[in-house]
Amino acid sequence: MSVRAAVRWLGAAALAAACARADLPKQGDATRPIADVLAAHQDSLLALPGVVGVGVGECRGAPCLIVMAARRSSELERRLPATLEGYPVQLRVTGAFTARPATGGSMAFTLSSKAFAANASIPKKHTCDGADVSPPLTWGGTPAGTKAFALINDDPDAPRPGGWVHWVLYDLPASWVELPENVPKQEAVSTLGGARQGKNDFGKIGFNGSCPPPGKPHHYHFKLYALDAVLGLKSGATRPEVERAMEGHVLGIAEIVGIYQRR
């Protein structure tokens, strides 16, 4: 089914309300994997006005198709379907960070968060002083040939050699373009395409947030690695193990840095 046919069939609802509509099909209505649906429709979606990227994300705790645009427009909302083959479609207005250069060509591989700006303060809810949940992350410009992503979050200002690791995640499918807030602290995350999580320096699986000693602010680096191969490591791998497995497979690195200080 083409995107235009889908639009006529679905009635072209406003995309901003797509995931909130009560009559959206449930994920169980889908007849094939979301990665196959994305592959079948991505060219048509990318051809829509203002679209700079498409991929897989999460809506209401289940996979959905994400369409990224530098800005919102009435034409885009009118032409974009609310669902495709049983999966919700949701718009992410990303701003200029994922926009294609004026001269054309590929986008830069970039990482951002709705929770904090680059080199700005990390909200308390993403630290040990709050709910200690992982922040939402969004990226664009995935390098050609990417087969999987890995993410490492660390604090190089920590008073120990090599800094302090807060989060290790790997084997996230290449079709994904975001991580939702509060990724479950479990070894394998089915809602993220089976991505695996490693052990941080707290000795725990998944994310544990900023928790520096009182004093100077610490800088927390979130690095997303685009890889040309799935690592295939067991859950619970440490940063050194993931870094060794990534050697020779890194196609690009996107990074955002947040700051946190305890007084």
Protein backbone atom coordinates (compact mmCIF):
# COMPACT_ATOMS: atom_id res chain seq x y z
CA MET A 1 0.00 0.00 0.00
CA SER A 2 1.45 3.42 -0.96
CA VAL A 3 1.52 6.29 1.51
CA ARG A 4 -1.04 8.20 -0.59
CA ALA A 5 -3.37 5.21 -0.62
CA ALA A 6 -2.94 4.87 3.12
CA VAL A 7 -3.80 8.52 3.57
CA ARG A 8 -7.03 8.16 1.56
CA TRP A 9 -7.99 5.00 3.44
CA LEU A 10 -7.26 6.39 6.90
CA GLY A 11 -8.72 9.85 6.37
CA ALA A 12 -5.44 11.70 7.12
CA ALA A 13 -5.80 12.65 10.80
CA ALA A 14 -3.53 15.28 12.28
CA LEU A 15 -0.29 13.53 13.13
CA ALA A 16 0.32 15.33 16.41
CA ALA A 17 -2.68 13.50 17.89
CA ALA A 18 -1.90 10.16 16.25
CA CYS A 19 -0.85 8.29 19.36
CA ALA A 20 -3.62 9.81 21.46
CA ARG A 21 -6.51 8.71 19.25
CA ALA A 22 -8.69 6.07 20.82
CA ASP A 23 -9.42 4.36 17.50
CA LEU A 24 -5.81 3.64 16.51
CA PRO A 25 -5.21 0.00 15.66
CA LYS A 26 -3.42 -1.96 18.34
CA GLN A 27 0.04 -3.35 17.64
CA GLY A 28 -1.53 -6.80 17.48
CA ASP A 29 -3.32 -5.71 14.28
CA ALA A 30 0.02 -5.61 12.47
CA THR A 31 0.68 -8.53 10.16
CA ARG A 32 4.47 -8.24 9.78
CA PRO A 33 7.49 -6.90 11.73
CA ILE A 34 7.80 -3.15 12.02
CA ALA A 35 11.25 -3.20 10.39
CA ASP A 36 9.68 -4.69 7.24
CA VAL A 37 6.93 -2.07 7.27
CA LEU A 38 9.53 0.69 7.62
CA ALA A 39 11.56 -0.69 4.71
CA ALA A 40 8.46 -0.85 2.52
CA HIS A 41 7.36 2.73 3.16
CA GLN A 42 10.48 4.73 4.04
CA ASP A 43 11.09 6.13 0.54
CA SER A 44 7.53 7.43 0.30
CA LEU A 45 7.70 8.91 3.79
CA LEU A 46 11.03 10.61 3.09
CA ALA A 47 9.50 12.20 0.00
CA LEU A 48 6.91 14.05 2.08
CA PRO A 49 7.48 17.81 2.57
CA GLY A 50 9.95 18.70 5.28
CA VAL A 51 10.77 15.13 6.32
CA VAL A 52 14.45 14.59 7.19
CA GLY A 53 14.38 11.07 8.61
CA VAL A 54 12.24 8.05 9.39
CA GLY A 55 12.73 5.17 11.78
CA VAL A 56 11.32 3.17 14.66
CA GLY A 57 10.50 4.58 18.09
CA GLU A 58 8.08 4.02 20.93
CA CYS A 59 4.47 5.17 21.42
CA ARG A 60 2.66 4.18 24.60
CA GLY A 61 5.21 1.49 25.38
CA ALA A 62 5.04 -0.20 21.97
CA PRO A 63 7.01 0.26 18.73
CA CYS A 64 5.72 2.83 16.28
CA LEU A 65 6.95 4.52 13.11
CA ILE A 66 8.68 7.86 13.68
CA VAL A 67 8.78 10.55 11.02
CA MET A 68 11.24 13.36 11.76
CA ALA A 69 10.83 16.85 10.35
CA ALA A 70 12.79 20.02 11.03
CA ARG A 71 9.49 21.88 11.37
CA ARG A 72 5.75 21.23 11.38
CA SER A 73 3.59 22.13 8.40
CA SER A 74 -0.10 21.76 7.63
CA GLU A 75 0.70 19.98 4.37
CA LEU A 76 2.85 17.39 6.12
CA GLU A 77 0.18 16.73 8.75
CA ARG A 78 -2.47 16.46 6.04
CA ARG A 79 -0.54 13.97 3.92
CA LEU A 80 0.99 11.78 6.63
CA PRO A 81 -1.03 8.70 7.65
CA ALA A 82 -2.01 8.07 11.26
CA THR A 83 -1.04 4.39 10.91
CA LEU A 84 0.68 2.11 8.44
CA GLU A 85 -0.05 -1.62 8.40
CA GLY A 86 -1.27 -1.56 11.99
CA TYR A 87 1.54 0.56 13.47
CA PRO A 88 0.97 4.14 14.70
CA VAL A 89 2.89 6.87 12.90
CA GLN A 90 4.09 9.81 14.96
CA LEU A 91 5.76 13.08 14.03
CA ARG A 92 8.89 14.29 15.80
CA VAL A 93 9.66 17.95 15.18
CA THR A 94 13.41 17.96 15.64
CA GLY A 95 14.39 21.51 14.71
CA ALA A 96 17.51 22.28 12.72
CA PHE A 97 19.73 19.61 14.24
CA THR A 98 18.59 16.95 11.77
CA ALA A 99 18.02 19.22 8.79
CA ARG A 100 19.75 18.35 5.54
CA PRO A 101 22.42 20.85 4.42
CA ALA A 102 21.19 23.51 2.00
CA THR A 103 23.45 22.03 -0.67
CA GLY A 104 21.90 18.59 -0.23
CA GLY A 105 23.72 15.44 0.81
CA SER A 106 23.67 13.46 4.02
CA MET A 107 22.78 14.82 7.42
CA ALA A 108 25.33 14.96 10.19
CA PHE A 109 25.03 12.16 12.75
CA THR A 110 23.68 14.03 15.77
CA LEU A 111 22.21 13.21 19.17
CA SER A 112 19.87 15.36 21.29
CA SER A 113 17.50 15.12 24.24
CA LYS A 114 14.16 16.73 25.03
CA ALA A 115 15.19 16.66 28.71
CA PHE A 116 18.25 18.93 28.46
CA ALA A 117 20.20 20.94 25.92
CA ALA A 118 23.82 20.25 25.06
CA ASN A 119 26.14 21.35 27.88
CA ALA A 120 23.16 22.30 30.04
CA SER A 121 21.94 21.02 33.40
CA ILE A 122 20.41 17.53 33.59
CA PRO A 123 17.00 17.56 35.35
CA LYS A 124 16.93 16.00 38.82
CA LYS A 125 14.53 13.23 37.72
CA HIS A 126 17.38 11.71 35.68
CA THR A 127 19.75 11.62 38.67
CA CYS A 128 20.14 9.75 41.95
CA ASP A 129 18.49 12.72 43.67
CA GLY A 130 15.25 12.11 41.76
CA ALA A 131 13.45 9.23 40.06
CA ASP A 132 16.75 8.07 38.49
CA VAL A 133 15.18 7.30 35.09
CA SER A 134 17.03 7.50 31.80
CA PRO A 135 16.46 10.63 29.70
CA PRO A 136 14.83 10.53 26.27
CA LEU A 137 17.31 10.63 23.38
CA THR A 138 16.75 11.31 19.68
CA TRP A 139 19.17 11.12 16.78
CA GLY A 140 19.36 11.78 13.06
CA GLY A 141 21.75 11.30 10.16
CA THR A 142 22.42 7.60 10.80
CA PRO A 143 25.45 6.65 8.65
CA ALA A 144 24.85 4.43 5.62
CA GLY A 145 25.54 0.78 6.33
CA THR A 146 24.58 0.95 10.01
CA LYS A 147 23.39 -2.42 11.34
CA ALA A 148 23.07 -1.60 15.05
CA PHE A 149 23.67 1.05 17.70
CA ALA A 150 25.49 1.01 21.02
CA LEU A 151 25.24 3.67 23.73
CA ILE A 152 27.67 4.46 26.54
CA ASN A 153 26.99 7.10 29.19
CA ASP A 154 29.85 8.01 31.48
CA ASP A 155 31.24 10.68 33.80
CA PRO A 156 34.93 11.39 33.04
CA ASP A 157 35.04 13.86 35.97
CA ALA A 158 34.52 11.08 38.51
CA PRO A 159 37.45 10.70 40.96
CA ARG A 160 38.65 7.34 39.63
CA PRO A 161 40.78 6.27 36.66
CA GLY A 162 38.68 6.04 33.52
CA GLY A 163 35.73 7.89 35.01
CA TRP A 164 32.40 6.32 36.01
CA VAL A 165 30.05 4.42 33.71
CA HIS A 166 26.32 5.07 34.17
CA TRP A 167 24.78 3.19 31.24
CA VAL A 168 25.75 0.60 28.64
CA LEU A 169 23.28 -0.41 25.92
CA TYR A 170 24.00 -2.29 22.68
CA ASP A 171 22.50 -4.22 19.76
CA LEU A 172 19.75 -1.64 19.30
CA PRO A 173 18.43 -2.20 15.74
CA ALA A 174 19.58 0.30 13.12
CA SER A 175 15.99 1.27 12.28
CA TRP A 176 15.55 3.02 15.65
CA VAL A 177 15.86 6.81 15.86
CA GLU A 178 15.19 7.39 19.56
CA LEU A 179 15.28 6.00 23.07
CA PRO A 180 12.23 6.80 25.22
CA GLU A 181 12.45 8.13 28.73
CA ASN A 182 12.82 5.51 31.48
CA VAL A 183 14.22 2.54 29.59
CA PRO A 184 13.50 -0.50 31.80
CA LYS A 185 16.45 -1.63 33.93
CA GLN A 186 16.56 -5.13 32.50
CA GLU A 187 19.05 -7.18 30.52
CA ALA A 188 17.09 -7.43 27.26
CA VAL A 189 14.46 -4.84 26.33
CA SER A 190 11.81 -6.35 24.07
CA THR A 191 10.19 -2.96 23.42
CA LEU A 192 13.51 -1.77 21.95
CA GLY A 193 13.82 -4.52 19.38
CA GLY A 194 15.65 -6.84 21.76
CA ALA A 195 18.42 -4.37 22.61
CA ARG A 196 20.66 -5.55 25.45
CA GLN A 197 21.97 -3.64 28.43
CA GLY A 198 25.26 -4.00 30.17
CA LYS A 199 26.50 -3.54 33.71
CA ASN A 200 27.35 -0.03 34.88
CA ASP A 201 29.89 0.96 37.53
CA PHE A 202 27.22 0.77 40.23
CA GLY A 203 27.25 -2.96 39.49
CA LYS A 204 23.71 -2.77 38.08
CA ILE A 205 22.01 -3.44 34.77
CA GLY A 206 20.70 -0.47 32.78
CA PHE A 207 20.76 3.22 33.61
CA ASN A 208 21.72 4.83 36.90
CA GLY A 209 21.89 8.59 36.73
CA SER A 210 24.20 11.37 37.77
CA CYS A 211 25.31 11.10 41.38
CA PRO A 212 28.49 13.14 41.89
CA PRO A 213 29.94 14.09 45.26
CA PRO A 214 29.15 17.63 46.42
CA GLY A 215 31.37 20.23 44.82
CA LYS A 216 32.23 21.02 41.22
CA PRO A 217 29.80 20.15 38.42
CA HIS A 218 30.39 16.90 36.55
CA HIS A 219 29.95 16.37 32.81
CA TYR A 220 27.94 13.38 31.64
CA HIS A 221 28.67 12.13 28.14
CA PHE A 222 26.05 10.20 26.18
CA LYS A 223 27.80 8.63 23.17
CA LEU A 224 25.83 6.81 20.49
CA TYR A 225 27.86 4.53 18.21
CA ALA A 226 26.62 3.55 14.74
CA LEU A 227 28.02 0.10 13.96
CA ASP A 228 28.31 -1.97 10.80
CA ALA A 229 27.59 -5.19 12.73
CA VAL A 230 25.52 -6.49 15.62
CA LEU A 231 27.88 -7.15 18.55
CA GLY A 232 26.14 -10.31 19.72
CA LEU A 233 27.42 -9.97 23.28
CA LYS A 234 25.47 -11.49 26.14
CA SER A 235 23.54 -9.13 28.41
CA GLY A 236 25.53 -7.65 31.28
CA ALA A 237 28.65 -6.74 29.28
CA THR A 238 30.85 -3.99 30.71
CA ARG A 239 32.07 -0.91 28.87
CA PRO A 240 35.53 -2.39 28.16
CA GLU A 241 33.90 -5.52 26.72
CA VAL A 242 31.60 -3.47 24.49
CA GLU A 243 34.42 -1.19 23.37
CA ARG A 244 36.58 -4.18 22.42
CA ALA A 245 33.71 -5.71 20.46
CA MET A 246 33.12 -2.41 18.62
CA GLU A 247 36.71 -2.12 17.37
CA GLY A 248 36.75 -1.91 13.59
CA HIS A 249 32.94 -1.60 13.37
CA VAL A 250 32.26 2.07 14.22
CA LEU A 251 30.78 4.08 11.34
CA GLY A 252 30.03 7.19 13.35
CA ILE A 253 29.67 8.63 16.85
CA ALA A 254 27.06 11.14 18.00
CA GLU A 255 27.32 12.75 21.42
CA ILE A 256 25.51 15.03 23.83
CA VAL A 257 26.92 16.21 27.16
CA GLY A 258 24.83 17.19 30.19
CA ILE A 259 25.96 18.74 33.48
CA TYR A 260 24.95 18.00 37.06
CA GLN A 261 26.15 19.42 40.37
CA ARG A 262 25.33 18.50 43.94
CA ARG A 263 25.90 21.22 46.52
